[in-house]
N, C-alpha and C. Protein backbone atom coordinates (compact mmCIF):
# COMPACT_ATOMS: atom_id res chain seq x y z
N MET A 1 -92.80 -72.67 64.86
CA MET A 1 -92.56 -73.23 65.65
C MET A 1 -91.35 -73.44 65.62
N LYS A 2 -89.80 -73.79 65.55
CA LYS A 2 -88.31 -74.83 65.50
C LYS A 2 -88.31 -75.55 66.71
N GLU A 3 -87.64 -76.29 66.61
CA GLU A 3 -86.99 -77.66 67.52
C GLU A 3 -85.98 -77.83 66.73
N PHE A 4 -84.83 -78.63 68.18
CA PHE A 4 -83.97 -78.72 67.54
C PHE A 4 -83.11 -79.38 68.50
N ALA A 5 -82.42 -80.83 68.19
CA ALA A 5 -81.96 -81.60 69.64
C ALA A 5 -80.03 -81.78 69.00
N CYS A 6 -79.69 -81.05 70.26
CA CYS A 6 -78.29 -81.36 70.26
C CYS A 6 -77.61 -82.36 69.52
N GLY A 7 -78.90 -83.83 69.89
CA GLY A 7 -77.90 -85.15 70.30
C GLY A 7 -77.74 -85.79 68.90
N SER A 8 -78.80 -85.17 67.67
CA SER A 8 -78.59 -85.48 66.52
C SER A 8 -78.08 -84.61 65.88
N VAL A 9 -76.80 -84.36 66.57
CA VAL A 9 -75.16 -83.97 65.98
C VAL A 9 -74.21 -84.37 66.82
N VAL A 10 -74.06 -84.62 68.30
CA VAL A 10 -73.21 -84.21 69.45
C VAL A 10 -74.29 -85.43 70.06
N PRO A 11 -73.51 -86.81 68.85
CA PRO A 11 -74.68 -88.34 70.71
C PRO A 11 -74.07 -87.68 72.00
N GLY A 12 -74.80 -88.68 72.47
CA GLY A 12 -75.24 -88.65 73.83
C GLY A 12 -75.71 -87.22 74.01
N CYS A 13 -75.78 -86.16 73.90
CA CYS A 13 -76.52 -84.23 75.13
C CYS A 13 -78.13 -84.86 73.97
N THR A 14 -78.61 -84.20 75.40
CA THR A 14 -79.35 -84.10 75.94
C THR A 14 -80.11 -83.10 75.82
N ALA A 15 -79.63 -81.95 75.47
CA ALA A 15 -80.18 -80.67 75.00
C ALA A 15 -81.29 -81.10 73.99
N VAL A 16 -82.11 -79.91 73.55
CA VAL A 16 -83.33 -79.34 73.51
C VAL A 16 -83.50 -77.91 73.38
N PHE A 17 -83.50 -77.92 72.21
CA PHE A 17 -83.99 -76.09 71.82
C PHE A 17 -85.40 -75.92 70.63
N LYS A 18 -85.91 -75.16 70.86
CA LYS A 18 -86.92 -74.30 70.98
C LYS A 18 -87.14 -72.48 70.51
N ALA A 19 -87.54 -72.53 69.29
CA ALA A 19 -87.96 -71.14 69.12
C ALA A 19 -88.23 -70.95 68.36
N HIS A 20 -89.00 -69.91 67.98
CA HIS A 20 -89.98 -69.53 66.74
C HIS A 20 -88.93 -69.60 65.01
N ASP A 21 -87.94 -69.52 65.63
CA ASP A 21 -87.12 -69.73 64.10
C ASP A 21 -86.02 -70.39 64.59
N ASP A 22 -84.73 -70.33 63.22
CA ASP A 22 -83.65 -70.76 63.34
C ASP A 22 -82.58 -70.54 63.66
N GLU A 23 -83.54 -68.56 63.57
CA GLU A 23 -82.29 -68.07 64.13
C GLU A 23 -81.58 -67.57 65.91
N GLY A 24 -83.24 -68.15 66.49
CA GLY A 24 -83.58 -68.34 67.72
C GLY A 24 -82.72 -69.63 68.00
N ILE A 25 -83.01 -70.53 66.93
CA ILE A 25 -82.42 -71.64 67.81
C ILE A 25 -81.05 -71.76 67.47
N LEU A 26 -80.57 -70.81 66.58
CA LEU A 26 -79.18 -70.83 66.48
C LEU A 26 -77.82 -69.90 67.35
N VAL A 27 -78.90 -68.64 67.42
CA VAL A 27 -79.06 -68.28 69.78
C VAL A 27 -78.11 -69.66 70.98
N GLN A 28 -79.89 -69.74 71.09
CA GLN A 28 -79.13 -71.18 71.82
C GLN A 28 -78.26 -71.60 71.34
N VAL A 29 -77.95 -72.31 70.92
CA VAL A 29 -76.92 -73.20 70.03
C VAL A 29 -75.58 -72.60 71.17
N ALA A 30 -75.12 -72.03 69.61
CA ALA A 30 -73.64 -71.04 70.44
C ALA A 30 -73.43 -71.25 71.60
N ALA A 31 -74.77 -70.26 72.62
CA ALA A 31 -74.27 -70.24 73.76
C ALA A 31 -74.33 -71.76 74.00
N HIS A 32 -74.70 -72.40 74.55
CA HIS A 32 -74.97 -74.16 74.37
C HIS A 32 -73.43 -75.09 74.22
N ALA A 33 -72.73 -74.12 72.72
CA ALA A 33 -72.18 -75.19 72.65
C ALA A 33 -70.63 -74.56 72.98
N HIS A 34 -71.39 -72.81 73.94
CA HIS A 34 -69.18 -72.60 74.33
C HIS A 34 -69.41 -73.44 75.85
N GLU A 35 -70.97 -72.76 76.71
CA GLU A 35 -70.82 -73.56 77.59
C GLU A 35 -70.68 -74.88 78.07
N ASP A 36 -71.67 -76.12 77.72
CA ASP A 36 -71.50 -77.20 77.38
C ASP A 36 -70.57 -78.21 77.29
N HIS A 37 -69.65 -77.46 75.38
CA HIS A 37 -68.92 -78.16 74.77
C HIS A 37 -68.33 -77.38 74.64
N GLY A 38 -67.50 -76.42 75.12
CA GLY A 38 -66.29 -75.75 75.05
C GLY A 38 -65.66 -75.16 74.05
N LEU A 39 -67.24 -75.29 73.31
CA LEU A 39 -66.16 -74.93 71.66
C LEU A 39 -66.44 -72.78 71.80
N THR A 40 -65.04 -72.77 71.02
CA THR A 40 -65.09 -70.19 71.49
C THR A 40 -66.07 -70.29 69.98
N GLU A 41 -66.24 -70.42 68.59
CA GLU A 41 -67.49 -70.37 68.12
C GLU A 41 -67.46 -71.85 67.36
N VAL A 42 -68.58 -71.97 67.25
CA VAL A 42 -69.00 -72.94 65.73
C VAL A 42 -68.81 -72.90 64.95
N PRO A 43 -67.94 -74.06 64.29
CA PRO A 43 -67.08 -74.14 63.21
C PRO A 43 -68.67 -74.39 61.83
N ALA A 44 -68.15 -73.42 60.95
CA ALA A 44 -69.52 -72.97 59.58
C ALA A 44 -70.01 -75.07 59.10
N GLN A 45 -69.29 -75.68 58.93
CA GLN A 45 -69.24 -77.50 59.32
C GLN A 45 -70.17 -77.90 60.51
N LEU A 46 -69.38 -77.36 61.54
CA LEU A 46 -71.03 -77.56 62.49
C LEU A 46 -72.70 -77.02 62.45
N LEU A 47 -72.25 -75.32 62.07
CA LEU A 47 -73.49 -74.89 61.99
C LEU A 47 -74.22 -75.90 60.63
N ALA A 48 -73.53 -75.62 59.50
CA ALA A 48 -74.58 -75.95 58.64
C ALA A 48 -75.62 -77.99 59.28
N GLU A 49 -74.93 -78.22 59.87
CA GLU A 49 -74.89 -79.28 60.20
C GLU A 49 -76.54 -79.14 61.17
N VAL A 50 -75.93 -78.00 62.11
CA VAL A 50 -77.38 -77.91 63.37
C VAL A 50 -79.00 -77.19 62.12
N ARG A 51 -78.39 -76.54 60.93
CA ARG A 51 -79.41 -76.21 60.19
C ARG A 51 -80.17 -76.78 59.86
N ARG A 52 -79.42 -78.30 59.15
CA ARG A 52 -79.33 -79.52 58.12
C ARG A 52 -80.93 -80.27 59.52
N HIS A 53 -80.63 -80.33 61.30
CA HIS A 53 -81.46 -80.78 61.44
C HIS A 53 -82.80 -79.63 63.14
N ILE A 54 -83.02 -78.80 62.35
CA ILE A 54 -83.64 -78.30 63.32
C ILE A 54 -85.51 -78.15 62.77
N ARG A 55 -85.97 -78.57 62.85
CA ARG A 55 -87.69 -78.74 63.26
C ARG A 55 -88.31 -78.33 62.80
N ALA A 56 -89.68 -78.51 62.55
CA ALA A 56 -90.79 -77.84 62.70
C ALA A 56 -91.08 -78.28 64.53
N ALA A 57 -91.20 -77.96 64.78
CA ALA A 57 -91.76 -78.17 66.04
C ALA A 57 -93.39 -78.67 66.81
């Protein structure tokens, strides 16, 4: 199981995502970035930061 806390990349955000693999996390993060942070797409640099902060849950 994997976990990502959005606050590790976006200070103040309390959203936390869990999935069986990195791809599952990234799908959730993309939807969250659009719905809660207003991003139409996740820039490559931000995607790299998200991947760097995915941890084993």
